[in-house]
PDB file of N, CA and C in Angstrom:
ATOM      1  N   GLN A   1     -13.749  22.045  11.644  1.00  0.00           N
ATOM      2  CA  GLN A   1     -12.704  21.125  12.096  1.00  0.00           C
ATOM      3  C   GLN A   1     -12.249  20.263  10.920  1.00  0.00           C
ATOM      4  N   VAL A   2     -10.943  20.257  10.668  1.00  0.00           N
ATOM      5  CA  VAL A   2     -10.380  19.445   9.597  1.00  0.00           C
ATOM      6  C   VAL A   2     -10.411  17.985  10.034  1.00  0.00           C
ATOM      7  N   GLN A   3     -11.012  17.134   9.216  1.00  0.00           N
ATOM      8  CA  GLN A   3     -11.211  15.766   9.657  1.00  0.00           C
ATOM      9  C   GLN A   3     -11.344  14.818   8.483  1.00  0.00           C
ATOM     10  N   LEU A   4     -10.830  13.590   8.664  1.00  0.00           N
ATOM     11  CA  LEU A   4     -11.049  12.474   7.755  1.00  0.00           C
ATOM     12  C   LEU A   4     -11.579  11.313   8.587  1.00  0.00           C
ATOM     13  N   VAL A   5     -12.640  10.690   8.122  1.00  0.00           N
ATOM     14  CA  VAL A   5     -13.228   9.565   8.855  1.00  0.00           C
ATOM     15  C   VAL A   5     -13.362   8.380   7.911  1.00  0.00           C
ATOM     16  N   GLU A   6     -12.646   7.295   8.248  1.00  0.00           N
ATOM     17  CA  GLU A   6     -12.717   6.078   7.455  1.00  0.00           C
ATOM     18  C   GLU A   6     -13.791   5.142   7.995  1.00  0.00           C
ATOM     19  N   SER A   7     -14.287   4.288   7.128  1.00  0.00           N
ATOM     20  CA  SER A   7     -15.234   3.252   7.529  1.00  0.00           C
ATOM     21  C   SER A   7     -15.161   2.106   6.525  1.00  0.00           C
ATOM     22  N   GLY A   8     -15.761   0.975   6.898  1.00  0.00           N
ATOM     23  CA  GLY A   8     -15.872  -0.145   5.973  1.00  0.00           C
ATOM     24  C   GLY A   8     -14.988  -1.333   6.298  1.00  0.00           C
ATOM     25  N   GLY A   9     -14.055  -1.182   7.216  1.00  0.00           N
ATOM     26  CA  GLY A   9     -13.200  -2.295   7.550  1.00  0.00           C
ATOM     27  C   GLY A   9     -13.940  -3.370   8.334  1.00  0.00           C
ATOM     28  N   GLU A  10     -13.590  -4.618   8.061  1.00  0.00           N
ATOM     29  CA  GLU A  10     -14.193  -5.741   8.780  1.00  0.00           C
ATOM     30  C   GLU A  10     -13.412  -7.002   8.506  1.00  0.00           C
ATOM     31  N   LEU A  11     -13.875  -8.110   9.037  1.00  0.00           N
ATOM     32  CA  LEU A  11     -13.281  -9.420   8.800  1.00  0.00           C
ATOM     33  C   LEU A  11     -13.843  -9.988   7.497  1.00  0.00           C
ATOM     34  N   VAL A  12     -12.946 -10.443   6.631  1.00  0.00           N
ATOM     35  CA  VAL A  12     -13.362 -11.005   5.345  1.00  0.00           C
ATOM     36  C   VAL A  12     -12.492 -12.219   5.044  1.00  0.00           C
ATOM     37  N   GLN A  13     -13.048 -13.158   4.310  1.00  0.00           N
ATOM     38  CA  GLN A  13     -12.301 -14.355   3.949  1.00  0.00           C
ATOM     39  C   GLN A  13     -11.351 -14.084   2.792  1.00  0.00           C
ATOM     40  N   PRO A  14     -10.270 -14.838   2.704  1.00  0.00           N
ATOM     41  CA  PRO A  14      -9.369 -14.696   1.556  1.00  0.00           C
ATOM     42  C   PRO A  14     -10.138 -14.855   0.243  1.00  0.00           C
ATOM     43  N   GLY A  15      -9.792 -14.006  -0.711  1.00  0.00           N
ATOM     44  CA  GLY A  15     -10.494 -13.978  -1.983  1.00  0.00           C
ATOM     45  C   GLY A  15     -11.701 -13.073  -2.004  1.00  0.00           C
ATOM     46  N   GLY A  16     -12.085 -12.567  -0.857  1.00  0.00           N
ATOM     47  CA  GLY A  16     -13.251 -11.696  -0.764  1.00  0.00           C
ATOM     48  C   GLY A  16     -12.948 -10.261  -1.134  1.00  0.00           C
ATOM     49  N   SER A  17     -13.973  -9.424  -1.016  1.00  0.00           N
ATOM     50  CA  SER A  17     -13.866  -8.007  -1.370  1.00  0.00           C
ATOM     51  C   SER A  17     -14.373  -7.133  -0.234  1.00  0.00           C
ATOM     52  N   LEU A  18     -13.841  -5.931  -0.177  1.00  0.00           N
ATOM     53  CA  LEU A  18     -14.297  -4.903   0.761  1.00  0.00           C
ATOM     54  C   LEU A  18     -14.177  -3.554   0.085  1.00  0.00           C
ATOM     55  N   ARG A  19     -15.029  -2.633   0.514  1.00  0.00           N
ATOM     56  CA  ARG A  19     -14.919  -1.250   0.045  1.00  0.00           C
ATOM     57  C   ARG A  19     -14.783  -0.352   1.265  1.00  0.00           C
ATOM     58  N   LEU A  20     -13.668   0.351   1.324  1.00  0.00           N
ATOM     59  CA  LEU A  20     -13.436   1.322   2.387  1.00  0.00           C
ATOM     60  C   LEU A  20     -13.830   2.706   1.900  1.00  0.00           C
ATOM     61  N   SER A  21     -14.339   3.499   2.835  1.00  0.00           N
ATOM     62  CA  SER A  21     -14.713   4.872   2.509  1.00  0.00           C
ATOM     63  C   SER A  21     -14.005   5.836   3.450  1.00  0.00           C
ATOM     64  N   CYS A  22     -13.730   7.010   2.937  1.00  0.00           N
ATOM     65  CA  CYS A  22     -13.109   8.089   3.720  1.00  0.00           C
ATOM     66  C   CYS A  22     -13.894   9.354   3.410  1.00  0.00           C
ATOM     67  N   VAL A  23     -14.447   9.967   4.431  1.00  0.00           N
ATOM     68  CA  VAL A  23     -15.227  11.193   4.253  1.00  0.00           C
ATOM     69  C   VAL A  23     -14.476  12.358   4.867  1.00  0.00           C
ATOM     70  N   ALA A  24     -14.346  13.425   4.103  1.00  0.00           N
ATOM     71  CA  ALA A  24     -13.567  14.591   4.521  1.00  0.00           C
ATOM     72  C   ALA A  24     -14.473  15.737   4.931  1.00  0.00           C
ATOM     73  N   SER A  25     -13.975  16.557   5.852  1.00  0.00           N
ATOM     74  CA  SER A  25     -14.682  17.767   6.247  1.00  0.00           C
ATOM     75  C   SER A  25     -13.683  18.805   6.737  1.00  0.00           C
ATOM     76  N   GLY A  26     -14.061  20.064   6.639  1.00  0.00           N
ATOM     77  CA  GLY A  26     -13.255  21.138   7.205  1.00  0.00           C
ATOM     78  C   GLY A  26     -12.172  21.692   6.296  1.00  0.00           C
ATOM     79  N   PHE A  27     -12.086  21.201   5.058  1.00  0.00           N
ATOM     80  CA  PHE A  27     -11.118  21.747   4.106  1.00  0.00           C
ATOM     81  C   PHE A  27     -11.669  21.535   2.698  1.00  0.00           C
ATOM     82  N   THR A  28     -10.994  22.125   1.723  1.00  0.00           N
ATOM     83  CA  THR A  28     -11.451  22.022   0.337  1.00  0.00           C
ATOM     84  C   THR A  28     -10.966  20.706  -0.247  1.00  0.00           C
ATOM     85  N   PHE A  29     -11.815  19.706  -0.128  1.00  0.00           N
ATOM     86  CA  PHE A  29     -11.446  18.342  -0.520  1.00  0.00           C
ATOM     87  C   PHE A  29     -11.045  18.273  -1.997  1.00  0.00           C
ATOM     88  N   SER A  30     -11.731  18.998  -2.844  1.00  0.00           N
ATOM     89  CA  SER A  30     -11.499  18.893  -4.287  1.00  0.00           C
ATOM     90  C   SER A  30     -10.135  19.417  -4.707  1.00  0.00           C
ATOM     91  N   ASN A  31      -9.445  20.125  -3.803  1.00  0.00           N
ATOM     92  CA  ASN A  31      -8.106  20.631  -4.107  1.00  0.00           C
ATOM     93  C   ASN A  31      -6.998  19.688  -3.671  1.00  0.00           C
ATOM     94  N   SER A  32      -7.338  18.641  -2.950  1.00  0.00           N
ATOM     95  CA  SER A  32      -6.317  17.830  -2.302  1.00  0.00           C
ATOM     96  C   SER A  32      -6.086  16.501  -2.990  1.00  0.00           C
ATOM     97  N   VAL A  33      -4.811  16.200  -3.221  1.00  0.00           N
ATOM     98  CA  VAL A  33      -4.418  14.832  -3.552  1.00  0.00           C
ATOM     99  C   VAL A  33      -4.722  13.958  -2.339  1.00  0.00           C
ATOM    100  N   MET A  34      -5.243  12.767  -2.584  1.00  0.00           N
ATOM    101  CA  MET A  34      -5.613  11.865  -1.493  1.00  0.00           C
ATOM    102  C   MET A  34      -4.817  10.570  -1.592  1.00  0.00           C
ATOM    103  N   LEU A  35      -4.550   9.979  -0.442  1.00  0.00           N
ATOM    104  CA  LEU A  35      -3.743   8.765  -0.376  1.00  0.00           C
ATOM    105  C   LEU A  35      -4.369   7.750   0.581  1.00  0.00           C
ATOM    106  N   TRP A  36      -4.102   6.490   0.334  1.00  0.00           N
ATOM    107  CA  TRP A  36      -4.390   5.413   1.287  1.00  0.00           C
ATOM    108  C   TRP A  36      -3.061   4.822   1.747  1.00  0.00           C
ATOM    109  N   TYR A  37      -2.997   4.537   3.024  1.00  0.00           N
ATOM    110  CA  TYR A  37      -1.875   3.836   3.632  1.00  0.00           C
ATOM    111  C   TYR A  37      -2.451   2.671   4.434  1.00  0.00           C
ATOM    112  N   ARG A  38      -1.565   1.770   4.828  1.00  0.00           N
ATOM    113  CA  ARG A  38      -1.970   0.709   5.740  1.00  0.00           C
ATOM    114  C   ARG A  38      -0.812   0.360   6.667  1.00  0.00           C
ATOM    115  N   GLN A  39      -1.174  -0.179   7.819  1.00  0.00           N
ATOM    116  CA  GLN A  39      -0.153  -0.577   8.789  1.00  0.00           C
ATOM    117  C   GLN A  39      -0.550  -1.903   9.398  1.00  0.00           C
ATOM    118  N   ALA A  40       0.272  -2.907   9.131  1.00  0.00           N
ATOM    119  CA  ALA A  40       0.063  -4.232   9.696  1.00  0.00           C
ATOM    120  C   ALA A  40       0.717  -4.304  11.071  1.00  0.00           C
ATOM    121  N   PRO A  41       0.267  -5.223  11.915  1.00  0.00           N
ATOM    122  CA  PRO A  41       0.848  -5.336  13.257  1.00  0.00           C
ATOM    123  C   PRO A  41       2.360  -5.530  13.204  1.00  0.00           C
ATOM    124  N   GLY A  42       3.077  -4.708  13.944  1.00  0.00           N
ATOM    125  CA  GLY A  42       4.518  -4.847  14.032  1.00  0.00           C
ATOM    126  C   GLY A  42       5.292  -4.348  12.833  1.00  0.00           C
ATOM    127  N   LYS A  43       4.598  -3.695  11.892  1.00  0.00           N
ATOM    128  CA  LYS A  43       5.267  -3.218  10.680  1.00  0.00           C
ATOM    129  C   LYS A  43       5.113  -1.710  10.528  1.00  0.00           C
ATOM    130  N   GLU A  44       5.947  -1.138   9.648  1.00  0.00           N
ATOM    131  CA  GLU A  44       5.863   0.280   9.338  1.00  0.00           C
ATOM    132  C   GLU A  44       4.603   0.568   8.517  1.00  0.00           C
ATOM    133  N   ARG A  45       4.136   1.793   8.608  1.00  0.00           N
ATOM    134  CA  ARG A  45       3.008   2.211   7.769  1.00  0.00           C
ATOM    135  C   ARG A  45       3.454   2.174   6.315  1.00  0.00           C
ATOM    136  N   GLU A  46       2.595   1.624   5.459  1.00  0.00           N
ATOM    137  CA  GLU A  46       2.943   1.365   4.058  1.00  0.00           C
ATOM    138  C   GLU A  46       1.996   2.141   3.144  1.00  0.00           C
ATOM    139  N   TRP A  47       2.559   2.791   2.155  1.00  0.00           N
ATOM    140  CA  TRP A  47       1.745   3.488   1.155  1.00  0.00           C
ATOM    141  C   TRP A  47       1.008   2.475   0.279  1.00  0.00           C
ATOM    142  N   VAL A  48      -0.271   2.726   0.038  1.00  0.00           N
ATOM    143  CA  VAL A  48      -1.089   1.854  -0.796  1.00  0.00           C
ATOM    144  C   VAL A  48      -1.364   2.483  -2.160  1.00  0.00           C
ATOM    145  N   GLY A  49      -1.720   3.760  -2.164  1.00  0.00           N
ATOM    146  CA  GLY A  49      -2.025   4.402  -3.436  1.00  0.00           C
ATOM    147  C   GLY A  49      -2.302   5.881  -3.289  1.00  0.00           C
ATOM    148  N   THR A  50      -2.240   6.578  -4.406  1.00  0.00           N
ATOM    149  CA  THR A  50      -2.450   8.021  -4.485  1.00  0.00           C
ATOM    150  C   THR A  50      -3.379   8.320  -5.646  1.00  0.00           C
ATOM    151  N   ILE A  51      -4.301   9.250  -5.427  1.00  0.00           N
ATOM    152  CA  ILE A  51      -5.178   9.688  -6.510  1.00  0.00           C
ATOM    153  C   ILE A  51      -5.132  11.205  -6.592  1.00  0.00           C
ATOM    154  N   GLY A  52      -5.112  11.732  -7.827  1.00  0.00           N
ATOM    155  CA  GLY A  52      -5.057  13.168  -8.017  1.00  0.00           C
ATOM    156  C   GLY A  52      -6.336  13.868  -7.594  1.00  0.00           C
ATOM    157  N   ALA A  53      -6.245  15.188  -7.506  1.00  0.00           N
ATOM    158  CA  ALA A  53      -7.374  15.973  -7.008  1.00  0.00           C
ATOM    159  C   ALA A  53      -8.623  15.806  -7.883  1.00  0.00           C
ATOM    160  N   ASP A  54      -8.411  15.630  -9.179  1.00  0.00           N
ATOM    161  CA  ASP A  54      -9.536  15.460 -10.096  1.00  0.00           C
ATOM    162  C   ASP A  54      -9.943  14.001 -10.270  1.00  0.00           C
ATOM    163  N   GLY A  55      -9.184  13.102  -9.660  1.00  0.00           N
ATOM    164  CA  GLY A  55      -9.472  11.679  -9.792  1.00  0.00           C
ATOM    165  C   GLY A  55      -8.998  11.073 -11.089  1.00  0.00           C
ATOM    166  N   ASP A  56      -8.233  11.834 -11.861  1.00  0.00           N
ATOM    167  CA  ASP A  56      -7.851  11.373 -13.188  1.00  0.00           C
ATOM    168  C   ASP A  56      -6.543  10.597 -13.202  1.00  0.00           C
ATOM    169  N   LEU A  57      -5.748  10.747 -12.161  1.00  0.00           N
ATOM    170  CA  LEU A  57      -4.472  10.039 -12.096  1.00  0.00           C
ATOM    171  C   LEU A  57      -4.415   9.231 -10.812  1.00  0.00           C
ATOM    172  N   ALA A  58      -3.985   8.001 -10.911  1.00  0.00           N
ATOM    173  CA  ALA A  58      -3.880   7.147  -9.735  1.00  0.00           C
ATOM    174  C   ALA A  58      -2.642   6.272  -9.854  1.00  0.00           C
ATOM    175  N   ASN A  59      -1.998   6.063  -8.729  1.00  0.00           N
ATOM    176  CA  ASN A  59      -0.846   5.176  -8.657  1.00  0.00           C
ATOM    177  C   ASN A  59      -1.031   4.240  -7.479  1.00  0.00           C
ATOM    178  N   TYR A  60      -0.545   3.009  -7.643  1.00  0.00           N
ATOM    179  CA  TYR A  60      -0.735   1.976  -6.639  1.00  0.00           C
ATOM    180  C   TYR A  60       0.591   1.304  -6.299  1.00  0.00           C
ATOM    181  N   ALA A  61       0.683   0.837  -5.074  1.00  0.00           N
ATOM    182  CA  ALA A  61       1.806  -0.008  -4.684  1.00  0.00           C
ATOM    183  C   ALA A  61       1.738  -1.317  -5.467  1.00  0.00           C
ATOM    184  N   ASP A  62       2.892  -1.867  -5.754  1.00  0.00           N
ATOM    185  CA  ASP A  62       2.934  -3.119  -6.523  1.00  0.00           C
ATOM    186  C   ASP A  62       2.148  -4.238  -5.829  1.00  0.00           C
ATOM    187  N   SER A  63       2.142  -4.203  -4.514  1.00  0.00           N
ATOM    188  CA  SER A  63       1.503  -5.270  -3.749  1.00  0.00           C
ATOM    189  C   SER A  63      -0.017  -5.294  -3.912  1.00  0.00           C
ATOM    190  N   VAL A  64      -0.605  -4.187  -4.383  1.00  0.00           N
ATOM    191  CA  VAL A  64      -2.066  -4.131  -4.513  1.00  0.00           C
ATOM    192  C   VAL A  64      -2.517  -3.862  -5.947  1.00  0.00           C
ATOM    193  N   LYS A  65      -1.585  -3.583  -6.822  1.00  0.00           N
ATOM    194  CA  LYS A  65      -1.926  -3.240  -8.208  1.00  0.00           C
ATOM    195  C   LYS A  65      -2.718  -4.360  -8.861  1.00  0.00           C
ATOM    196  N   GLY A  66      -3.793  -3.994  -9.519  1.00  0.00           N
ATOM    197  CA  GLY A  66      -4.645  -4.979 -10.165  1.00  0.00           C
ATOM    198  C   GLY A  66      -5.719  -5.560  -9.268  1.00  0.00           C
ATOM    199  N   ARG A  67      -5.633  -5.321  -7.965  1.00  0.00           N
ATOM    200  CA  ARG A  67      -6.633  -5.821  -7.011  1.00  0.00           C
ATOM    201  C   ARG A  67      -7.394  -4.682  -6.341  1.00  0.00           C
ATOM    202  N   PHE A  68      -6.725  -3.558  -6.106  1.00  0.00           N
ATOM    203  CA  PHE A  68      -7.326  -2.427  -5.411  1.00  0.00           C
ATOM    204  C   PHE A  68      -7.572  -1.293  -6.403  1.00  0.00           C
ATOM    205  N   THR A  69      -8.669  -0.575  -6.210  1.00  0.00           N
ATOM    206  CA  THR A  69      -9.008   0.569  -7.050  1.00  0.00           C
ATOM    207  C   THR A  69      -9.500   1.713  -6.178  1.00  0.00           C
ATOM    208  N   MET A  70      -8.918   2.886  -6.385  1.00  0.00           N
ATOM    209  CA  MET A  70      -9.349   4.083  -5.668  1.00  0.00           C
ATOM    210  C   MET A  70     -10.312   4.881  -6.540  1.00  0.00           C
ATOM    211  N   SER A  71     -11.210   5.580  -5.866  1.00  0.00           N
ATOM    212  CA  SER A  71     -12.092   6.510  -6.562  1.00  0.00           C
ATOM    213  C   SER A  71     -12.439   7.638  -5.597  1.00  0.00           C
ATOM    214  N   ARG A  72     -12.912   8.750  -6.140  1.00  0.00           N
ATOM    215  CA  ARG A  72     -13.299   9.870  -5.304  1.00  0.00           C
ATOM    216  C   ARG A  72     -14.500  10.560  -5.914  1.00  0.00           C
ATOM    217  N   ASP A  73     -15.288  11.155  -5.033  1.00  0.00           N
ATOM    218  CA  ASP A  73     -16.442  11.946  -5.441  1.00  0.00           C
ATOM    219  C   ASP A  73     -16.284  13.306  -4.783  1.00  0.00           C
ATOM    220  N   ASN A  74     -15.826  14.278  -5.543  1.00  0.00           N
ATOM    221  CA  ASN A  74     -15.559  15.599  -4.977  1.00  0.00           C
ATOM    222  C   ASN A  74     -16.848  16.316  -4.561  1.00  0.00           C
ATOM    223  N   GLY A  75     -17.958  15.920  -5.142  1.00  0.00           N
ATOM    224  CA  GLY A  75     -19.231  16.510  -4.746  1.00  0.00           C
ATOM    225  C   GLY A  75     -19.690  16.049  -3.375  1.00  0.00           C
ATOM    226  N   LYS A  76     -19.213  14.864  -2.973  1.00  0.00           N
ATOM    227  CA  LYS A  76     -19.600  14.295  -1.674  1.00  0.00           C
ATOM    228  C   LYS A  76     -18.446  14.279  -0.677  1.00  0.00           C
ATOM    229  N   ASN A  77     -17.303  14.842  -1.078  1.00  0.00           N
ATOM    230  CA  ASN A  77     -16.110  14.839  -0.209  1.00  0.00           C
ATOM    231  C   ASN A  77     -15.751  13.427   0.247  1.00  0.00           C
ATOM    232  N   SER A  78     -15.862  12.485  -0.659  1.00  0.00           N
ATOM    233  CA  SER A  78     -15.597  11.099  -0.290  1.00  0.00           C
ATOM    234  C   SER A  78     -14.524  10.478  -1.171  1.00  0.00           C
ATOM    235  N   PHE A  79     -13.859   9.509  -0.618  1.00  0.00           N
ATOM    236  CA  PHE A  79     -12.692   8.878  -1.233  1.00  0.00           C
ATOM    237  C   PHE A  79     -12.763   7.410  -0.853  1.00  0.00           C
ATOM    238  N   ASP A  80     -12.837   6.519  -1.833  1.00  0.00           N
ATOM    239  CA  ASP A  80     -13.057   5.109  -1.576  1.00  0.00           C
ATOM    240  C   ASP A  80     -11.878   4.259  -2.018  1.00  0.00           C
ATOM    241  N   LEU A  81     -11.792   3.080  -1.412  1.00  0.00           N
ATOM    242  CA  LEU A  81     -10.815   2.079  -1.812  1.00  0.00           C
ATOM    243  C   LEU A  81     -11.550   0.749  -1.979  1.00  0.00           C
ATOM    244  N   GLN A  82     -11.692   0.307  -3.217  1.00  0.00           N
ATOM    245  CA  GLN A  82     -12.293  -0.990  -3.511  1.00  0.00           C
ATOM    246  C   GLN A  82     -11.191  -2.032  -3.513  1.00  0.00           C
ATOM    247  N   MET A  83     -11.354  -3.038  -2.667  1.00  0.00           N
ATOM    248  CA  MET A  83     -10.326  -4.068  -2.518  1.00  0.00           C
ATOM    249  C   MET A  83     -10.922  -5.419  -2.920  1.00  0.00           C
ATOM    250  N   ASN A  84     -10.332  -6.024  -3.925  1.00  0.00           N
ATOM    251  CA  ASN A  84     -10.793  -7.323  -4.414  1.00  0.00           C
ATOM    252  C   ASN A  84      -9.706  -8.371  -4.238  1.00  0.00           C
ATOM    253  N   ASN A  85     -10.110  -9.633  -4.288  1.00  0.00           N
ATOM    254  CA  ASN A  85      -9.170 -10.745  -4.167  1.00  0.00           C
ATOM    255  C   ASN A  85      -8.244 -10.552  -2.966  1.00  0.00           C
ATOM    256  N   LEU A  86      -8.837 -10.290  -1.825  1.00  0.00           N
ATOM    257  CA  LEU A  86      -8.060  -9.991  -0.632  1.00  0.00           C
ATOM    258  C   LEU A  86      -7.263 -11.195  -0.163  1.00  0.00           C
ATOM    259  N   LYS A  87      -6.084 -10.914   0.371  1.00  0.00           N
ATOM    260  CA  LYS A  87      -5.160 -11.926   0.857  1.00  0.00           C
ATOM    261  C   LYS A  87      -4.895 -11.700   2.342  1.00  0.00           C
ATOM    262  N   PRO A  88      -4.480 -12.732   3.055  1.00  0.00           N
ATOM    263  CA  PRO A  88      -4.169 -12.541   4.486  1.00  0.00           C
ATOM    264  C   PRO A  88      -3.149 -11.435   4.719  1.00  0.00           C
ATOM    265  N   GLU A  89      -2.226 -11.261   3.797  1.00  0.00           N
ATOM    266  CA  GLU A  89      -1.206 -10.210   3.965  1.00  0.00           C
ATOM    267  C   GLU A  89      -1.761  -8.803   3.770  1.00  0.00           C
ATOM    268  N   ASP A  90      -3.010  -8.687   3.375  1.00  0.00           N
ATOM    269  CA  ASP A  90      -3.664  -7.374   3.312  1.00  0.00           C
ATOM    270  C   ASP A  90      -4.205  -6.941   4.679  1.00  0.00           C
ATOM    271  N   THR A  91      -4.142  -7.823   5.654  1.00  0.00           N
ATOM    272  CA  THR A  91      -4.611  -7.499   7.002  1.00  0.00           C
ATOM    273  C   THR A  91      -3.816  -6.328   7.565  1.00  0.00           C
ATOM    274  N   ALA A  92      -4.520  -5.278   7.945  1.00  0.00           N
ATOM    275  CA  ALA A  92      -3.864  -4.064   8.430  1.00  0.00           C
ATOM    276  C   ALA A  92      -4.936  -3.067   8.862  1.00  0.00           C
ATOM    277  N   VAL A  93      -4.476  -2.018   9.520  1.00  0.00           N
ATOM    278  CA  VAL A  93      -5.316  -0.834   9.705  1.00  0.00           C
ATOM    279  C   VAL A  93      -5.077   0.067   8.499  1.00  0.00           C
ATOM    280  N   TYR A  94      -6.152   0.476   7.865  1.00  0.00           N
ATOM    281  CA  TYR A  94      -6.079   1.299   6.664  1.00  0.00           C
ATOM    282  C   TYR A  94      -6.407   2.750   7.018  1.00  0.00           C
ATOM    283  N   PHE A  95      -5.558   3.648   6.527  1.00  0.00           N
ATOM    284  CA  PHE A  95      -5.689   5.071   6.811  1.00  0.00           C
ATOM    285  C   PHE A  95      -5.819   5.851   5.505  1.00  0.00           C
ATOM    286  N   CYS A  96      -6.685   6.842   5.493  1.00  0.00           N
ATOM    287  CA  CYS A  96      -6.666   7.787   4.380  1.00  0.00           C
ATOM    288  C   CYS A  96      -5.937   9.054   4.833  1.00  0.00           C
ATOM    289  N   ARG A  97      -5.399   9.738   3.852  1.00  0.00           N
ATOM    290  CA  ARG A  97      -4.635  10.955   4.135  1.00  0.00           C
ATOM    291  C   ARG A  97      -4.917  11.984   3.066  1.00  0.00           C
ATOM    292  N   ALA A  98      -5.080  13.214   3.479  1.00  0.00           N
ATOM    293  CA  ALA A  98      -5.181  14.343   2.570  1.00  0.00           C
ATOM    294  C   ALA A  98      -3.825  15.029   2.533  1.00  0.00           C
ATOM    295  N   LEU A  99      -3.268  15.165   1.329  1.00  0.00           N
ATOM    296  CA  LEU A  99      -1.951  15.793   1.204  1.00  0.00           C
ATOM    297  C   LEU A  99      -2.002  17.266   1.601  1.00  0.00           C
ATOM    298  N   THR A 100      -3.087  17.903   1.262  1.00  0.00           N
ATOM    299  CA  THR A 100      -3.325  19.288   1.672  1.00  0.00           C
ATOM    300  C   THR A 100      -4.670  19.338   2.387  1.00  0.00           C
ATOM    301  N   PRO A 101      -4.724  19.526   3.678  1.00  0.00           N
ATOM    302  CA  PRO A 101      -3.759  20.159   4.572  1.00  0.00           C
ATOM    303  C   PRO A 101      -2.895  19.212   5.405  1.00  0.00           C
ATOM    304  N   GLY A 102      -2.631  18.016   4.938  1.00  0.00           N
ATOM    305  CA  GLY A 102      -1.758  17.129   5.687  1.00  0.00           C
ATOM    306  C   GLY A 102      -2.435  16.537   6.907  1.00  0.00           C
ATOM    307  N   VAL A 103      -3.564  15.878   6.690  1.00  0.00           N
ATOM    308  CA  VAL A 103      -4.320  15.296   7.790  1.00  0.00           C
ATOM    309  C   VAL A 103      -4.526  13.812   7.544  1.00  0.00           C
ATOM    310  N   TRP A 104      -4.532  13.042   8.644  1.00  0.00           N
ATOM    311  CA  TRP A 104      -4.768  11.608   8.611  1.00  0.00           C
ATOM    312  C   TRP A 104      -6.133  11.285   9.211  1.00  0.00           C
ATOM    313  N   GLY A 105      -6.737  10.211   8.733  1.00  0.00           N
ATOM    314  CA  GLY A 105      -7.897   9.659   9.402  1.00  0.00           C
ATOM    315  C   GLY A 105      -7.457   8.793  10.570  1.00  0.00           C
ATOM    316  N   GLN A 106      -8.442   8.271  11.298  1.00  0.00           N
ATOM    317  CA  GLN A 106      -8.141   7.484  12.494  1.00  0.00           C
ATOM    318  C   GLN A 106      -7.878   6.015  12.172  1.00  0.00           C
ATOM    319  N   GLY A 107      -8.215   5.595  10.958  1.00  0.00           N
ATOM    320  CA  GLY A 107      -7.958   4.222  10.537  1.00  0.00           C
ATOM    321  C   GLY A 107      -9.162   3.319  10.688  1.00  0.00           C
ATOM    322  N   THR A 108      -9.188   2.272   9.865  1.00  0.00           N
ATOM    323  CA  THR A 108     -10.229   1.246   9.937  1.00  0.00           C
ATOM    324  C   THR A 108      -9.560  -0.111   9.748  1.00  0.00           C
ATOM    325  N   GLN A 109      -9.944  -1.072  10.573  1.00  0.00           N
ATOM    326  CA  GLN A 109      -9.279  -2.377  10.598  1.00  0.00           C
ATOM    327  C   GLN A 109      -9.841  -3.294   9.525  1.00  0.00           C
ATOM    328  N   VAL A 110      -8.934  -3.853   8.735  1.00  0.00           N
ATOM    329  CA  VAL A 110      -9.278  -4.889   7.760  1.00  0.00           C
ATOM    330  C   VAL A 110      -8.557  -6.165   8.164  1.00  0.00           C
ATOM    331  N   THR A 111      -9.310  -7.231   8.326  1.00  0.00           N
ATOM    332  CA  THR A 111      -8.730  -8.523   8.673  1.00  0.00           C
ATOM    333  C   THR A 111      -9.153  -9.549   7.634  1.00  0.00           C
ATOM    334  N   VAL A 112      -8.164 -10.182   7.020  1.00  0.00           N
ATOM    335  CA  VAL A 112      -8.430 -11.191   6.001  1.00  0.00           C
ATOM    336  C   VAL A 112      -8.017 -12.540   6.573  1.00  0.00           C
ATOM    337  N   SER A 113      -8.998 -13.357   6.846  1.00  0.00           N
ATOM    338  CA  SER A 113      -8.730 -14.637   7.504  1.00  0.00           C
ATOM    339  C   SER A 113      -9.886 -15.590   7.275  1.00  0.00           C
ATOM    340  N   SER A 114      -9.556 -16.872   7.201  1.00  0.00           N
ATOM    341  CA  SER A 114     -10.605 -17.883   7.088  1.00  0.00           C
ATOM    342  C   SER A 114     -10.981 -18.411   8.471  1.00  0.00           C
TER     343      SER A 114
END
């Protein structure tokens, strides 16, 4: 079964850090470009970043550049998002996506609030 499962979302104070994880199964993870998206209440889903299949190339949305870092471990079929200096506007459900075969995870809630 082709599947992505995110974890790690929780309530954190402004300025804090969180690490989200996405674990893949059912497809050749090492061949797929991976992406993170997020969706805040009442807003469109927003692209956060993209990492190449080898993990050597990464691009980030301007809103998270310098604060968020993606990484992947192809041996463990895992894809992480390290989020530092979190702001209230980072509050959203975070989704990982595999470009090939075009699958989404179910999302994990991140809430940044004091």
